[in-house]
Amino acid sequence: MRVLLSIKPEFAEKIFNGTKKYEFRRTVFKDPTVKTVVVYASSPVQKVIGEFEIESILNFELQTLWEKTKEFSGITEKYFFDYFGDKDKGYAIKVKKTKRYKEALCLKEDFKSYPPQSFSYLRE
């Protein structure tokens, strides 16, 4: 099973160049069979640029999550805590292996989908 995530282009680039090994989320998918994340680079790119395998999903109180992920977070500590806002806990999807597409794909035409607010499941 795969999920589609909207990710800001600057963070998507960091995932594919290896400097960001965690994608942070306030909520995650409940389906344990999800093994792959398809990356939709949001505005201004607005294309599906690749995918990555999930190594694991961390779920901790925010200070612990930051301590475990900060080296490869790809973001500042301020951005991290601002992103989670008033949440007590957060999720970090650990990137295992990336695959950048040779050509970016169109979400509507190639995936019959629209940009998800959080995530959407992709049926194979």
N, C-alpha and C. Protein backbone atom coordinates (compact mmCIF):
# COMPACT_ATOMS: atom_id res chain seq x y z
N MET A 1 0.84 -1.18 0.00
CA MET A 1 0.00 0.00 0.00
C MET A 1 0.89 1.24 0.00
N ARG A 2 0.43 2.26 -0.73
CA ARG A 2 1.16 3.53 -0.80
C ARG A 2 0.25 4.66 -0.35
N VAL A 3 0.86 5.72 0.17
CA VAL A 3 0.12 6.94 0.48
C VAL A 3 0.75 8.10 -0.27
N LEU A 4 -0.07 9.08 -0.53
CA LEU A 4 0.37 10.31 -1.18
C LEU A 4 0.46 11.39 -0.12
N LEU A 5 1.62 12.04 -0.03
CA LEU A 5 1.81 13.14 0.90
C LEU A 5 2.14 14.41 0.14
N SER A 6 1.52 15.52 0.52
CA SER A 6 1.91 16.83 0.02
C SER A 6 3.05 17.32 0.88
N ILE A 7 4.15 17.67 0.24
CA ILE A 7 5.34 18.14 0.95
C ILE A 7 5.83 19.40 0.25
N LYS A 8 6.19 20.40 1.05
CA LYS A 8 6.72 21.65 0.47
C LYS A 8 7.95 21.31 -0.37
N PRO A 9 8.08 21.96 -1.55
CA PRO A 9 9.19 21.63 -2.45
C PRO A 9 10.57 21.67 -1.79
N GLU A 10 10.84 22.66 -0.93
CA GLU A 10 12.16 22.74 -0.30
C GLU A 10 12.44 21.51 0.56
N PHE A 11 11.41 20.97 1.23
CA PHE A 11 11.60 19.79 2.06
C PHE A 11 11.66 18.53 1.21
N ALA A 12 10.88 18.49 0.15
CA ALA A 12 10.93 17.34 -0.77
C ALA A 12 12.34 17.21 -1.37
N GLU A 13 12.93 18.33 -1.76
CA GLU A 13 14.29 18.31 -2.31
C GLU A 13 15.28 17.75 -1.29
N LYS A 14 15.12 18.17 -0.03
CA LYS A 14 16.03 17.68 1.01
C LYS A 14 15.87 16.18 1.24
N ILE A 15 14.65 15.67 1.10
CA ILE A 15 14.44 14.23 1.23
C ILE A 15 15.20 13.49 0.14
N PHE A 16 15.09 13.99 -1.10
CA PHE A 16 15.73 13.30 -2.22
C PHE A 16 17.25 13.51 -2.30
N ASN A 17 17.75 14.58 -1.66
CA ASN A 17 19.22 14.74 -1.66
C ASN A 17 19.85 14.15 -0.40
N GLY A 18 19.01 13.58 0.49
CA GLY A 18 19.51 12.84 1.63
C GLY A 18 19.77 13.64 2.90
N THR A 19 19.50 14.95 2.89
CA THR A 19 19.76 15.75 4.08
C THR A 19 18.58 15.77 5.05
N LYS A 20 17.42 15.32 4.60
CA LYS A 20 16.23 15.23 5.46
C LYS A 20 15.79 13.78 5.46
N LYS A 21 15.94 13.12 6.61
CA LYS A 21 15.61 11.70 6.69
C LYS A 21 14.32 11.45 7.47
N TYR A 22 13.64 12.54 7.88
CA TYR A 22 12.38 12.42 8.61
C TYR A 22 11.36 13.39 8.04
N GLU A 23 10.17 12.89 7.81
CA GLU A 23 9.05 13.74 7.40
C GLU A 23 8.10 13.80 8.59
N PHE A 24 7.89 15.00 9.09
CA PHE A 24 7.09 15.19 10.30
C PHE A 24 5.62 15.38 9.98
N ARG A 25 4.78 14.79 10.83
CA ARG A 25 3.33 14.87 10.66
C ARG A 25 2.64 14.97 12.01
N ARG A 26 1.53 15.71 12.03
CA ARG A 26 0.71 15.79 13.24
C ARG A 26 -0.12 14.53 13.41
N THR A 27 -0.54 13.96 12.29
CA THR A 27 -1.27 12.68 12.28
C THR A 27 -0.71 11.83 11.14
N VAL A 28 -0.87 10.52 11.27
CA VAL A 28 -0.44 9.63 10.20
C VAL A 28 -1.53 8.63 9.89
N PHE A 29 -1.34 7.93 8.82
CA PHE A 29 -2.24 6.90 8.36
C PHE A 29 -2.29 5.76 9.36
N LYS A 30 -3.42 5.12 9.46
CA LYS A 30 -3.60 4.03 10.42
C LYS A 30 -3.30 2.66 9.81
N ASP A 31 -3.30 2.58 8.49
CA ASP A 31 -3.10 1.30 7.81
C ASP A 31 -1.64 0.84 7.94
N PRO A 32 -1.39 -0.27 8.64
CA PRO A 32 -0.02 -0.74 8.85
C PRO A 32 0.63 -1.33 7.60
N THR A 33 -0.14 -1.53 6.53
CA THR A 33 0.44 -2.10 5.31
C THR A 33 1.10 -1.03 4.43
N VAL A 34 0.99 0.24 4.81
CA VAL A 34 1.62 1.31 4.03
C VAL A 34 3.13 1.20 4.18
N LYS A 35 3.80 1.03 3.05
CA LYS A 35 5.26 0.89 3.05
C LYS A 35 5.96 1.97 2.23
N THR A 36 5.18 2.68 1.40
CA THR A 36 5.76 3.65 0.47
C THR A 36 4.99 4.96 0.52
N VAL A 37 5.74 6.07 0.48
CA VAL A 37 5.17 7.40 0.40
C VAL A 37 5.46 7.97 -0.99
N VAL A 38 4.42 8.39 -1.68
CA VAL A 38 4.56 9.06 -2.96
C VAL A 38 4.56 10.56 -2.65
N VAL A 39 5.58 11.26 -3.16
CA VAL A 39 5.78 12.66 -2.80
C VAL A 39 5.22 13.61 -3.85
N TYR A 40 4.23 14.38 -3.41
CA TYR A 40 3.68 15.47 -4.22
C TYR A 40 4.32 16.75 -3.72
N ALA A 41 5.15 17.36 -4.55
CA ALA A 41 5.76 18.65 -4.19
C ALA A 41 4.70 19.72 -4.40
N SER A 42 4.30 20.37 -3.32
CA SER A 42 3.22 21.35 -3.38
C SER A 42 3.64 22.62 -4.13
N SER A 43 2.81 23.61 -4.10
CA SER A 43 3.02 24.86 -4.82
C SER A 43 4.39 25.48 -4.50
N PRO A 44 5.12 25.98 -5.46
CA PRO A 44 4.72 26.23 -6.84
C PRO A 44 4.99 25.07 -7.81
N VAL A 45 5.62 23.98 -7.35
CA VAL A 45 5.97 22.86 -8.25
C VAL A 45 4.72 22.12 -8.71
N GLN A 46 3.90 21.69 -7.78
CA GLN A 46 2.64 20.99 -8.05
C GLN A 46 2.78 19.77 -8.97
N LYS A 47 3.76 18.94 -8.64
CA LYS A 47 4.01 17.71 -9.39
C LYS A 47 4.39 16.59 -8.43
N VAL A 48 4.19 15.35 -8.86
CA VAL A 48 4.66 14.18 -8.11
C VAL A 48 6.09 13.93 -8.58
N ILE A 49 7.04 14.04 -7.65
CA ILE A 49 8.45 14.02 -8.06
C ILE A 49 9.20 12.74 -7.69
N GLY A 50 8.58 11.88 -6.89
CA GLY A 50 9.25 10.64 -6.52
C GLY A 50 8.54 9.95 -5.38
N GLU A 51 9.24 9.00 -4.78
CA GLU A 51 8.65 8.24 -3.67
C GLU A 51 9.77 7.76 -2.75
N PHE A 52 9.37 7.35 -1.55
CA PHE A 52 10.34 6.76 -0.65
C PHE A 52 9.72 5.65 0.17
N GLU A 53 10.57 4.69 0.53
CA GLU A 53 10.14 3.59 1.40
C GLU A 53 10.19 4.08 2.84
N ILE A 54 9.27 3.57 3.65
CA ILE A 54 9.22 3.92 5.06
C ILE A 54 10.05 2.92 5.85
N GLU A 55 11.03 3.42 6.61
CA GLU A 55 11.80 2.54 7.49
C GLU A 55 11.02 2.28 8.77
N SER A 56 10.50 3.36 9.36
CA SER A 56 9.71 3.26 10.59
C SER A 56 8.96 4.57 10.79
N ILE A 57 8.03 4.56 11.73
CA ILE A 57 7.31 5.78 12.10
C ILE A 57 7.46 5.97 13.60
N LEU A 58 8.07 7.08 13.97
CA LEU A 58 8.28 7.40 15.37
C LEU A 58 7.09 8.21 15.89
N ASN A 59 6.72 7.98 17.14
CA ASN A 59 5.65 8.74 17.79
C ASN A 59 6.05 8.99 19.23
N PHE A 60 6.42 10.23 19.52
CA PHE A 60 6.90 10.59 20.85
C PHE A 60 6.39 11.96 21.25
N GLU A 61 6.59 12.27 22.53
CA GLU A 61 6.37 13.64 22.97
C GLU A 61 7.35 14.51 22.20
N LEU A 62 6.98 15.76 21.96
CA LEU A 62 7.73 16.60 21.03
C LEU A 62 9.21 16.78 21.37
N GLN A 63 9.53 17.01 22.63
CA GLN A 63 10.94 17.21 22.98
C GLN A 63 11.76 15.96 22.68
N THR A 64 11.22 14.79 22.98
CA THR A 64 11.90 13.53 22.70
C THR A 64 12.02 13.31 21.19
N LEU A 65 10.94 13.59 20.46
CA LEU A 65 10.95 13.43 19.00
C LEU A 65 12.02 14.31 18.38
N TRP A 66 12.11 15.57 18.84
CA TRP A 66 13.13 16.47 18.30
C TRP A 66 14.53 15.94 18.60
N GLU A 67 14.77 15.49 19.82
CA GLU A 67 16.09 15.00 20.19
C GLU A 67 16.50 13.80 19.33
N LYS A 68 15.56 12.92 19.01
CA LYS A 68 15.85 11.72 18.23
C LYS A 68 16.04 12.01 16.74
N THR A 69 15.48 13.11 16.25
CA THR A 69 15.46 13.35 14.80
C THR A 69 16.20 14.59 14.34
N LYS A 70 16.63 15.44 15.25
CA LYS A 70 17.13 16.77 14.87
C LYS A 70 18.30 16.75 13.89
N GLU A 71 19.18 15.75 13.99
CA GLU A 71 20.35 15.72 13.12
C GLU A 71 19.97 15.63 11.64
N PHE A 72 18.89 14.89 11.35
CA PHE A 72 18.47 14.75 9.95
C PHE A 72 17.02 15.23 9.76
N SER A 73 16.65 16.26 10.51
CA SER A 73 15.28 16.78 10.42
C SER A 73 15.07 17.63 9.17
N GLY A 74 16.12 18.29 8.71
CA GLY A 74 16.00 19.17 7.55
C GLY A 74 15.29 20.48 7.85
N ILE A 75 14.99 20.72 9.14
CA ILE A 75 14.29 21.93 9.54
C ILE A 75 14.93 22.47 10.83
N THR A 76 14.56 23.70 11.18
CA THR A 76 15.07 24.28 12.42
C THR A 76 14.22 23.82 13.60
N GLU A 77 14.78 23.95 14.78
CA GLU A 77 14.03 23.61 15.99
C GLU A 77 12.79 24.48 16.12
N LYS A 78 12.92 25.76 15.80
CA LYS A 78 11.77 26.67 15.87
C LYS A 78 10.66 26.23 14.92
N TYR A 79 11.04 25.88 13.69
CA TYR A 79 10.05 25.43 12.71
C TYR A 79 9.35 24.16 13.22
N PHE A 80 10.12 23.25 13.77
CA PHE A 80 9.58 22.00 14.32
C PHE A 80 8.50 22.28 15.35
N PHE A 81 8.83 23.08 16.35
CA PHE A 81 7.86 23.33 17.43
C PHE A 81 6.70 24.19 16.96
N ASP A 82 6.95 25.11 16.04
CA ASP A 82 5.85 25.90 15.47
C ASP A 82 4.89 25.00 14.68
N TYR A 83 5.46 24.07 13.93
CA TYR A 83 4.64 23.16 13.12
C TYR A 83 3.69 22.35 13.99
N PHE A 84 4.18 21.82 15.07
CA PHE A 84 3.34 20.98 15.93
C PHE A 84 2.41 21.80 16.82
N GLY A 85 2.69 23.08 16.99
CA GLY A 85 1.79 23.95 17.74
C GLY A 85 1.49 23.45 19.13
N ASP A 86 0.20 23.24 19.41
CA ASP A 86 -0.22 22.85 20.76
C ASP A 86 -0.30 21.33 20.95
N LYS A 87 0.21 20.57 19.99
CA LYS A 87 0.21 19.11 20.13
C LYS A 87 1.20 18.67 21.22
N ASP A 88 0.87 17.58 21.90
CA ASP A 88 1.77 17.02 22.90
C ASP A 88 2.77 16.05 22.27
N LYS A 89 2.29 15.32 21.26
CA LYS A 89 3.11 14.32 20.60
C LYS A 89 3.10 14.57 19.10
N GLY A 90 4.08 13.99 18.42
CA GLY A 90 4.14 14.12 16.98
C GLY A 90 4.69 12.85 16.35
N TYR A 91 4.62 12.80 15.04
CA TYR A 91 5.10 11.65 14.28
C TYR A 91 6.25 12.07 13.37
N ALA A 92 7.18 11.15 13.19
CA ALA A 92 8.26 11.33 12.23
C ALA A 92 8.35 10.06 11.39
N ILE A 93 8.13 10.23 10.10
CA ILE A 93 8.24 9.10 9.17
C ILE A 93 9.71 9.03 8.74
N LYS A 94 10.37 7.93 9.08
CA LYS A 94 11.79 7.78 8.74
C LYS A 94 11.94 7.26 7.32
N VAL A 95 12.69 8.01 6.52
CA VAL A 95 12.92 7.68 5.11
C VAL A 95 13.95 6.55 5.03
N LYS A 96 13.59 5.49 4.31
CA LYS A 96 14.50 4.36 4.14
C LYS A 96 15.27 4.47 2.82
N LYS A 97 14.55 4.48 1.72
CA LYS A 97 15.18 4.48 0.39
C LYS A 97 14.34 5.36 -0.53
N THR A 98 14.98 6.28 -1.22
CA THR A 98 14.24 7.19 -2.11
C THR A 98 14.37 6.78 -3.56
N LYS A 99 13.38 7.19 -4.33
CA LYS A 99 13.39 6.98 -5.78
C LYS A 99 12.83 8.25 -6.43
N ARG A 100 13.70 9.01 -7.03
CA ARG A 100 13.30 10.24 -7.72
C ARG A 100 12.90 9.87 -9.13
N TYR A 101 11.73 10.33 -9.56
CA TYR A 101 11.28 10.03 -10.92
C TYR A 101 12.10 10.82 -11.94
N LYS A 102 12.37 10.20 -13.09
CA LYS A 102 13.10 10.88 -14.16
C LYS A 102 12.33 12.10 -14.62
N GLU A 103 11.00 11.94 -14.72
CA GLU A 103 10.13 13.06 -15.08
C GLU A 103 9.03 13.17 -14.05
N ALA A 104 8.78 14.40 -13.62
CA ALA A 104 7.72 14.64 -12.64
C ALA A 104 6.37 14.27 -13.26
N LEU A 105 5.48 13.75 -12.44
CA LEU A 105 4.18 13.31 -12.91
C LEU A 105 3.08 14.27 -12.47
N CYS A 106 1.99 14.24 -13.24
CA CYS A 106 0.84 15.06 -12.94
C CYS A 106 -0.10 14.29 -12.00
N LEU A 107 -0.45 14.93 -10.92
CA LEU A 107 -1.29 14.27 -9.91
C LEU A 107 -2.65 13.89 -10.47
N LYS A 108 -3.27 14.79 -11.19
CA LYS A 108 -4.62 14.56 -11.71
C LYS A 108 -4.60 13.51 -12.83
N GLU A 109 -3.70 13.67 -13.79
CA GLU A 109 -3.67 12.77 -14.95
C GLU A 109 -3.08 11.39 -14.62
N ASP A 110 -1.96 11.37 -13.92
CA ASP A 110 -1.25 10.11 -13.68
C ASP A 110 -1.75 9.33 -12.46
N PHE A 111 -2.33 10.03 -11.50
CA PHE A 111 -2.77 9.36 -10.27
C PHE A 111 -4.27 9.48 -10.02
N LYS A 112 -4.97 10.20 -10.90
CA LYS A 112 -6.42 10.41 -10.73
C LYS A 112 -6.72 10.90 -9.31
N SER A 113 -5.92 11.87 -8.86
CA SER A 113 -6.04 12.34 -7.49
C SER A 113 -5.88 13.85 -7.43
N TYR A 114 -6.12 14.38 -6.25
CA TYR A 114 -5.98 15.80 -5.98
C TYR A 114 -5.04 15.97 -4.80
N PRO A 115 -4.44 17.16 -4.65
CA PRO A 115 -3.51 17.35 -3.53
C PRO A 115 -4.18 17.09 -2.18
N PRO A 116 -3.65 16.17 -1.40
CA PRO A 116 -4.27 15.89 -0.10
C PRO A 116 -3.91 16.94 0.94
N GLN A 117 -4.84 17.19 1.86
CA GLN A 117 -4.55 18.10 2.97
C GLN A 117 -3.49 17.49 3.88
N SER A 118 -3.67 16.23 4.21
CA SER A 118 -2.73 15.54 5.07
C SER A 118 -2.08 14.40 4.27
N PHE A 119 -2.89 13.41 3.92
CA PHE A 119 -2.42 12.31 3.09
C PHE A 119 -3.63 11.67 2.43
N SER A 120 -3.37 10.86 1.42
CA SER A 120 -4.44 10.04 0.83
C SER A 120 -3.84 8.70 0.44
N TYR A 121 -4.67 7.67 0.54
CA TYR A 121 -4.22 6.34 0.15
C TYR A 121 -4.27 6.22 -1.37
N LEU A 122 -3.28 5.56 -1.94
CA LEU A 122 -3.26 5.30 -3.37
C LEU A 122 -3.54 3.83 -3.59
N ARG A 123 -4.58 3.55 -4.30
CA ARG A 123 -4.93 2.15 -4.62
C ARG A 123 -4.05 1.71 -5.77
N GLU A 124 -3.51 0.54 -5.65
CA GLU A 124 -2.57 0.04 -6.67
C GLU A 124 -3.31 -0.31 -7.95
